Amino acid sequence: MNINATLFAELILVFAASVGIICFFLAKQKGQNPFLSAVIGFTGTFLPIIAFIYLIVLLNKPNLSPQQYSN
């Protein structure tokens, strides 16, 4: 089975967008700058190990309390 470069690039971009969106919502819950986290997650997908490490770091950070989250 042959896979052409266009399909491969589309798969990479879909994966990058997915990781960027996940990083955005995780950072929003964790109290970080969500836009910066989305950019870091998106660009980190070009070296997948960096993206996974960044996601693990975001997941292990404590959530904001409901009082802090509303501000």
Foldseek 3Di string as FASTA:
>chain_A
DDDDPVVVVVVLQVVLQVLLVVQLVLCLFLVHNSNVSSVQLSVCSVVPVSNVVSVVVSVPRDGDDPVVSVD
